[in-house]
Amino acid sequence: MAYSDYQWANSAQTTLAADLSSSATTLKVSSYVLFPAITSGQYFIVRIDDELIKVTVRNTTTWTIERGQESSTATTHFKGASVTLVLTSGALGAILAVTGPTGPTGVTGPTGLTGVTGPTGLTGPTGPTGFTGPTGFTGETGPTGFTGDTGPTGFTGPTGFTGDTGPTGFTGDTGPTGFTGLTGPTGFTGDTGPTGFTGLTGPTGFTGLTGPTGPVGVVGASVYDLAGEVSGSPAAGATIYTLYSKRAFDFSASGTSHAFEAGVASSDVVVFSLKINGTDAITATFNTNSSATITVISTAVAVDDLITIVAPNPADSTLSDLYFTFTGLVP
């Protein structure tokens, strides 16, 4: 596995949308939005139960997979099982094996200067010539004159002095420090520890005396809910719900009192409109998610009013399997 091919995203998790056999090479998930997009050669690792699975192609909610990664065992998994993006020991090993580039070699300093050559020593003086002995008188051949003494040998001149040592050459500049290697990704968060034991239930307290009966309260309004569901993806601008009201009531003015959900999230921002006699009364906005934000514009419904819910135009490419509840109050 090449580290550069490994893809990662924080908090990526979904569930299986269908059972997965031990030999299957594709799987279907409920949502793909939080998982990283991958190109040819790239991949990411997910964990389902105790099996590690390599995802090599992510086409929206249907993925191509390789089973039983890093010594885990391919087994059967069931619809609804958690599908979690994980950082494995194999990926960490590939990251740690990456070595940073070697820094450039420093510049070589210049060669030191050569020392000055010392002067040549003086030549010693020549020794004196020995004296010639006197010539013998003529007559009888006198004895041969004696040979003069050999003159002394001239002295050796002094040795010339050694020249000064040349200065040391300049030290070269220190080369720049090599680049620091890339920082590895943050390790994944460990599993949550087990829940502590529940304390023993204390004894039941004594029942208090029954208080006096209070006055009868005012009768509150009755709840009158409008609910429905739509399988698959609604057509652009289609009317997905119609009701002729046979009673007067008011929709709740609080957006949180109503709900509009989808089995598969939208890929863009789309708006459904609840209309009273053709005029917008409540809007439900999906923003690349599966739970709409409800905005209440008007609330009053009279007898024989026409209530419709109209799908967005253009239609969203992924939004499907809708269910909704709008809460009304009958005075």
Protein backbone atom coordinates (compact mmCIF):
# COMPACT_ATOMS: atom_id res chain seq x y z
CA MET A 1 0.00 0.00 0.00
CA ALA A 2 1.40 3.42 -0.99
CA TYR A 3 0.92 6.13 1.63
CA SER A 4 0.13 8.71 -1.10
CA ASP A 5 -2.85 6.54 -2.27
CA TYR A 6 -4.44 6.28 1.22
CA GLN A 7 -7.38 8.69 1.75
CA TRP A 8 -8.78 9.88 5.11
CA ALA A 9 -11.69 11.95 6.51
CA ASN A 10 -12.65 12.82 10.10
CA SER A 11 -15.82 11.31 11.72
CA ALA A 12 -16.87 9.39 8.55
CA GLN A 13 -19.57 6.86 9.52
CA THR A 14 -22.77 5.38 8.03
CA THR A 15 -24.71 2.07 8.07
CA LEU A 16 -25.24 -0.86 5.69
CA ALA A 17 -28.31 -0.35 3.49
CA ALA A 18 -28.48 -4.11 2.71
CA ASP A 19 -27.08 -7.41 4.02
CA LEU A 20 -23.45 -8.17 2.97
CA SER A 21 -22.41 -11.83 2.35
CA SER A 22 -18.92 -13.10 3.20
CA SER A 23 -18.01 -13.35 -0.54
CA ALA A 24 -19.56 -10.09 -1.82
CA THR A 25 -17.28 -7.60 -3.62
CA THR A 26 -19.70 -4.64 -3.53
CA LEU A 27 -21.66 -3.11 -0.67
CA LYS A 28 -24.49 -0.56 -0.37
CA VAL A 29 -24.53 2.11 2.35
CA SER A 30 -27.22 4.50 3.61
CA SER A 31 -25.08 7.65 3.04
CA TYR A 32 -21.69 8.45 1.46
CA VAL A 33 -21.50 12.20 2.16
CA LEU A 34 -18.83 12.13 4.95
CA PHE A 35 -16.49 9.71 3.15
CA PRO A 36 -13.55 10.94 0.95
CA ALA A 37 -13.84 10.96 -2.84
CA ILE A 38 -11.24 8.66 -4.49
CA THR A 39 -9.76 8.38 -7.97
CA SER A 40 -8.17 5.41 -9.76
CA GLY A 41 -5.51 3.80 -7.55
CA GLN A 42 -6.69 5.51 -4.34
CA TYR A 43 -8.57 3.79 -1.48
CA PHE A 44 -9.72 4.02 2.13
CA ILE A 45 -10.35 1.39 4.87
CA VAL A 46 -13.67 0.86 6.72
CA ARG A 47 -14.54 -1.43 9.63
CA ILE A 48 -17.81 -3.42 9.75
CA ASP A 49 -18.10 -5.43 12.98
CA ASP A 50 -14.60 -7.06 13.26
CA GLU A 51 -13.73 -7.05 9.52
CA LEU A 52 -11.44 -4.48 7.82
CA ILE A 53 -12.56 -3.78 4.23
CA LYS A 54 -10.65 -1.84 1.50
CA VAL A 55 -12.87 0.49 -0.62
CA THR A 56 -11.39 1.03 -4.12
CA VAL A 57 -14.40 2.62 -5.93
CA ARG A 58 -16.95 4.91 -4.21
CA ASN A 59 -19.96 5.46 -6.55
CA THR A 60 -22.38 7.38 -4.27
CA THR A 61 -23.94 4.66 -2.04
CA THR A 62 -22.66 1.57 -3.94
CA TRP A 63 -18.93 0.78 -3.35
CA THR A 64 -16.44 -1.71 -4.87
CA ILE A 65 -14.52 -3.48 -2.07
CA GLU A 66 -11.69 -5.93 -1.22
CA ARG A 67 -12.48 -8.15 1.78
CA GLY A 68 -10.57 -9.32 4.89
CA GLN A 69 -7.79 -6.71 5.01
CA GLU A 70 -4.79 -6.86 7.42
CA SER A 71 -5.47 -10.43 8.68
CA SER A 72 -9.19 -9.79 9.43
CA THR A 73 -11.77 -12.41 8.29
CA ALA A 74 -14.49 -11.82 5.68
CA THR A 75 -17.85 -12.63 7.31
CA THR A 76 -21.55 -11.94 6.72
CA HIS A 77 -22.83 -8.53 7.94
CA PHE A 78 -26.44 -7.44 8.21
CA LYS A 79 -28.39 -4.36 7.16
CA GLY A 80 -28.02 -1.53 9.70
CA ALA A 81 -24.50 -2.56 10.79
CA SER A 82 -22.15 0.42 11.47
CA VAL A 83 -19.67 1.30 8.65
CA THR A 84 -16.78 3.40 10.05
CA LEU A 85 -13.70 4.91 8.29
CA VAL A 86 -10.59 3.83 10.28
CA LEU A 87 -6.81 4.45 10.32
CA THR A 88 -5.12 1.01 10.48
CA SER A 89 -1.69 -0.22 11.59
CA GLY A 90 -0.85 -0.93 7.93
CA ALA A 91 -1.52 2.69 6.95
CA LEU A 92 0.50 4.00 9.94
CA GLY A 93 3.43 1.73 8.97
CA ALA A 94 3.42 3.18 5.45
CA ILE A 95 3.39 6.72 6.89
CA LEU A 96 6.32 6.03 9.28
CA ALA A 97 8.37 4.54 6.41
CA VAL A 98 8.37 7.85 4.54
CA THR A 99 11.83 9.57 4.82
CA GLY A 100 12.21 13.33 4.41
CA PRO A 101 14.50 14.64 1.60
CA THR A 102 18.28 15.03 2.28
CA GLY A 103 19.40 18.63 2.79
CA PRO A 104 21.88 20.16 0.21
CA THR A 105 25.68 19.89 0.81
CA GLY A 106 27.29 23.01 2.33
CA VAL A 107 29.63 25.19 0.23
CA THR A 108 33.36 24.15 0.40
CA GLY A 109 35.58 26.83 2.01
CA PRO A 110 38.56 28.31 0.05
CA THR A 111 42.07 26.70 0.29
CA GLY A 112 44.39 28.38 2.85
CA LEU A 113 47.35 30.52 1.62
CA THR A 114 50.81 28.86 1.15
CA GLY A 115 53.45 29.98 3.71
CA VAL A 116 56.39 32.24 2.61
CA THR A 117 59.62 30.29 1.64
CA GLY A 118 62.48 31.02 4.09
CA PRO A 119 65.77 32.62 2.75
CA THR A 120 68.83 30.42 1.74
CA GLY A 121 71.51 30.06 4.46
CA LEU A 122 74.91 31.96 4.06
CA THR A 123 77.92 30.13 2.49
CA GLY A 124 80.81 29.69 4.97
CA PRO A 125 84.28 31.40 4.16
CA THR A 126 87.12 29.42 2.43
CA GLY A 127 89.91 28.30 4.82
CA PRO A 128 93.50 29.85 4.42
CA THR A 129 96.10 28.14 2.20
CA GLY A 130 99.03 26.45 4.09
CA PHE A 131 102.52 28.21 3.84
CA THR A 132 105.28 26.86 1.52
CA GLY A 133 108.46 25.61 3.24
CA PRO A 134 111.92 27.37 2.45
CA THR A 135 114.13 26.17 -0.48
CA GLY A 136 117.23 24.22 0.64
CA PHE A 137 120.70 25.72 -0.10
CA THR A 138 122.60 24.47 -3.17
CA GLY A 139 125.53 22.28 -2.61
CA GLU A 140 125.04 19.06 -1.26
CA THR A 141 121.66 18.11 -1.78
CA GLY A 142 120.20 19.06 1.38
CA PRO A 143 117.56 17.09 2.94
CA THR A 144 114.24 17.34 1.37
CA GLY A 145 112.32 20.16 2.96
CA PHE A 146 109.49 19.13 5.15
CA THR A 147 106.00 19.31 3.89
CA GLY A 148 104.06 22.20 5.32
CA ASP A 149 101.20 21.51 7.63
CA THR A 150 97.74 21.13 6.05
CA GLY A 151 95.72 24.28 6.53
CA PRO A 152 92.61 24.01 8.69
CA THR A 153 89.30 23.15 7.04
CA GLY A 154 87.01 26.18 6.66
CA PHE A 155 83.96 26.19 9.03
CA THR A 156 80.48 25.23 7.87
CA GLY A 157 78.11 28.19 7.45
CA PRO A 158 75.05 28.39 9.72
CA THR A 159 71.73 26.71 8.65
CA GLY A 160 69.18 29.16 7.23
CA PHE A 161 66.08 29.81 9.42
CA THR A 162 62.75 28.09 8.71
CA GLY A 163 60.12 30.29 7.04
CA ASP A 164 56.93 31.28 8.97
CA THR A 165 53.94 28.90 8.75
CA GLY A 166 51.24 30.27 6.42
CA PRO A 167 47.85 31.27 7.95
CA THR A 168 45.07 28.63 8.20
CA GLY A 169 42.52 28.74 5.34
CA PHE A 170 38.99 30.09 5.96
CA THR A 171 36.35 27.59 7.20
CA GLY A 172 33.56 27.06 4.60
CA ASP A 173 30.01 28.23 5.39
CA THR A 174 27.71 25.66 7.06
CA GLY A 175 25.19 24.17 4.61
CA PRO A 176 21.46 24.82 5.24
CA THR A 177 19.51 22.36 7.40
CA GLY A 178 17.60 19.66 5.43
CA PHE A 179 13.78 19.91 5.16
CA THR A 180 11.73 18.47 8.02
CA GLY A 181 9.68 15.37 7.02
CA LEU A 182 5.86 15.63 6.74
CA THR A 183 3.89 15.40 9.97
CA GLY A 184 1.87 12.15 10.18
CA PRO A 185 -1.96 12.28 10.62
CA THR A 186 -3.50 12.36 14.10
CA GLY A 187 -4.12 8.86 15.49
CA PHE A 188 -7.73 7.67 15.73
CA THR A 189 -9.74 8.04 18.99
CA GLY A 190 -9.84 4.91 21.15
CA ASP A 191 -13.08 3.05 21.87
CA THR A 192 -15.33 4.35 24.66
CA GLY A 193 -14.86 2.50 27.96
CA PRO A 194 -17.65 0.37 29.45
CA THR A 195 -20.48 2.06 31.40
CA GLY A 196 -20.06 1.91 35.18
CA PHE A 197 -22.35 -0.22 37.32
CA THR A 198 -25.77 1.25 38.22
CA GLY A 199 -26.09 1.93 41.95
CA LEU A 200 -28.60 -0.02 44.02
CA THR A 201 -32.14 1.37 44.05
CA GLY A 202 -32.97 2.97 47.41
CA PRO A 203 -36.07 1.96 49.35
CA THR A 204 -39.40 3.45 48.28
CA GLY A 205 -40.38 6.48 50.38
CA PHE A 206 -43.64 6.65 52.28
CA THR A 207 -46.66 7.69 50.23
CA GLY A 208 -47.73 11.21 51.14
CA LEU A 209 -51.25 12.13 52.12
CA THR A 210 -53.63 12.72 49.25
CA GLY A 211 -54.13 16.46 48.68
CA PRO A 212 -57.46 18.09 48.05
CA THR A 213 -58.92 17.82 44.55
CA GLY A 214 -58.02 20.86 42.44
CA PRO A 215 -60.47 22.80 40.29
CA VAL A 216 -61.34 21.43 36.88
CA GLY A 217 -59.00 22.93 34.24
CA VAL A 218 -59.98 24.53 30.97
CA VAL A 219 -60.26 22.02 28.11
CA GLY A 220 -57.17 22.38 25.84
CA ALA A 221 -57.00 22.28 22.09
CA SER A 222 -57.01 18.88 20.31
CA VAL A 223 -54.03 17.80 18.24
CA TYR A 224 -54.77 17.31 14.53
CA ASP A 225 -51.75 15.90 12.65
CA LEU A 226 -51.30 15.71 8.85
CA ALA A 227 -48.86 12.88 7.96
CA GLY A 228 -47.78 10.94 4.90
CA GLU A 229 -44.89 9.30 3.05
CA VAL A 230 -43.57 9.11 -0.54
CA SER A 231 -41.53 6.12 -1.79
CA GLY A 232 -38.71 6.79 -4.22
CA SER A 233 -37.87 10.25 -5.67
CA PRO A 234 -40.73 12.73 -6.35
CA ALA A 235 -40.94 14.24 -9.84
CA ALA A 236 -40.02 17.91 -10.34
CA GLY A 237 -42.90 20.19 -9.21
CA ALA A 238 -45.17 17.21 -8.41
CA THR A 239 -48.03 17.53 -5.87
CA ILE A 240 -47.23 14.74 -3.38
CA TYR A 241 -50.09 15.39 -0.88
CA THR A 242 -53.67 16.82 -1.18
CA LEU A 243 -56.35 17.41 1.53
CA TYR A 244 -59.68 19.30 1.55
CA SER A 245 -60.04 20.32 5.19
CA LYS A 246 -63.44 19.51 6.76
CA ARG A 247 -62.63 21.34 9.99
CA ALA A 248 -61.00 24.59 11.02
CA PHE A 249 -57.63 24.33 12.76
CA ASP A 250 -54.28 26.10 13.15
CA PHE A 251 -50.83 24.72 12.27
CA SER A 252 -48.31 25.01 15.13
CA ALA A 253 -46.27 28.21 14.75
CA SER A 254 -43.10 26.42 15.98
CA GLY A 255 -40.97 24.86 13.23
CA THR A 256 -39.74 22.17 15.65
CA SER A 257 -43.36 20.88 16.07
CA HIS A 258 -43.25 19.59 12.48
CA ALA A 259 -41.00 17.01 10.79
CA PHE A 260 -39.98 16.31 7.16
CA GLU A 261 -37.37 13.52 6.73
CA ALA A 262 -35.76 11.56 3.85
CA GLY A 263 -34.37 8.04 3.66
CA VAL A 264 -31.62 9.26 1.28
CA ALA A 265 -30.19 12.80 1.78
CA SER A 266 -30.31 15.53 -0.88
CA SER A 267 -27.23 16.43 -2.96
CA ASP A 268 -28.20 20.11 -3.18
CA VAL A 269 -30.46 22.72 -1.49
CA VAL A 270 -34.15 21.97 -2.32
CA VAL A 271 -37.44 23.33 -0.86
CA PHE A 272 -40.84 21.60 -0.46
CA SER A 273 -43.89 23.93 -0.03
CA LEU A 274 -47.05 23.25 2.00
CA LYS A 275 -49.70 25.53 0.45
CA ILE A 276 -53.14 26.63 1.67
CA ASN A 277 -55.34 27.41 -1.36
CA GLY A 278 -52.17 27.74 -3.51
CA THR A 279 -50.31 30.13 -1.14
CA ASP A 280 -47.14 29.05 0.74
CA ALA A 281 -47.88 28.45 4.44
CA ILE A 282 -44.94 26.21 5.50
CA THR A 283 -41.61 25.45 3.75
CA ALA A 284 -39.29 22.46 4.34
CA THR A 285 -35.65 23.00 3.20
CA PHE A 286 -33.18 20.12 2.66
CA ASN A 287 -29.53 21.34 2.55
CA THR A 288 -27.48 18.28 1.42
CA ASN A 289 -28.96 16.35 4.37
CA SER A 290 -31.87 14.05 5.28
CA SER A 291 -33.69 16.28 7.85
CA ALA A 292 -35.43 19.43 6.56
CA THR A 293 -35.47 22.83 8.30
CA ILE A 294 -39.13 23.89 8.79
CA THR A 295 -40.22 27.55 8.38
CA VAL A 296 -43.84 28.51 9.31
CA ILE A 297 -45.30 31.43 7.29
CA SER A 298 -49.02 31.22 8.15
CA THR A 299 -51.04 28.86 10.35
CA ALA A 300 -54.84 29.31 10.00
CA VAL A 301 -56.87 26.69 8.06
CA ALA A 302 -60.65 27.17 7.44
CA VAL A 303 -63.32 24.60 6.54
CA ASP A 304 -63.03 23.51 2.83
CA ASP A 305 -59.53 25.01 2.44
CA LEU A 306 -57.31 23.04 -0.03
CA ILE A 307 -53.99 21.90 1.49
CA THR A 308 -51.27 20.65 -0.90
CA ILE A 309 -47.55 19.77 -0.62
CA VAL A 310 -45.52 20.51 -3.78
CA ALA A 311 -42.07 19.01 -4.61
CA PRO A 312 -39.18 21.28 -5.73
CA ASN A 313 -38.53 22.07 -9.40
CA PRO A 314 -35.96 21.03 -10.55
CA ALA A 315 -35.89 17.75 -8.63
CA ASP A 316 -32.86 16.70 -6.54
CA SER A 317 -30.73 13.86 -8.00
CA THR A 318 -30.52 11.78 -4.77
CA LEU A 319 -33.33 12.81 -2.36
CA SER A 320 -35.84 9.94 -1.94
CA ASP A 321 -38.12 7.95 0.43
CA LEU A 322 -39.85 10.90 2.16
CA TYR A 323 -42.05 10.95 5.30
CA PHE A 324 -43.58 13.99 7.04
CA THR A 325 -45.82 15.11 9.92
CA PHE A 326 -47.35 18.59 10.28
CA THR A 327 -48.96 19.28 13.68
CA GLY A 328 -52.29 21.16 13.80
CA LEU A 329 -54.37 22.28 16.79
CA VAL A 330 -58.21 22.17 16.78
CA PRO A 331 -59.65 24.83 19.14
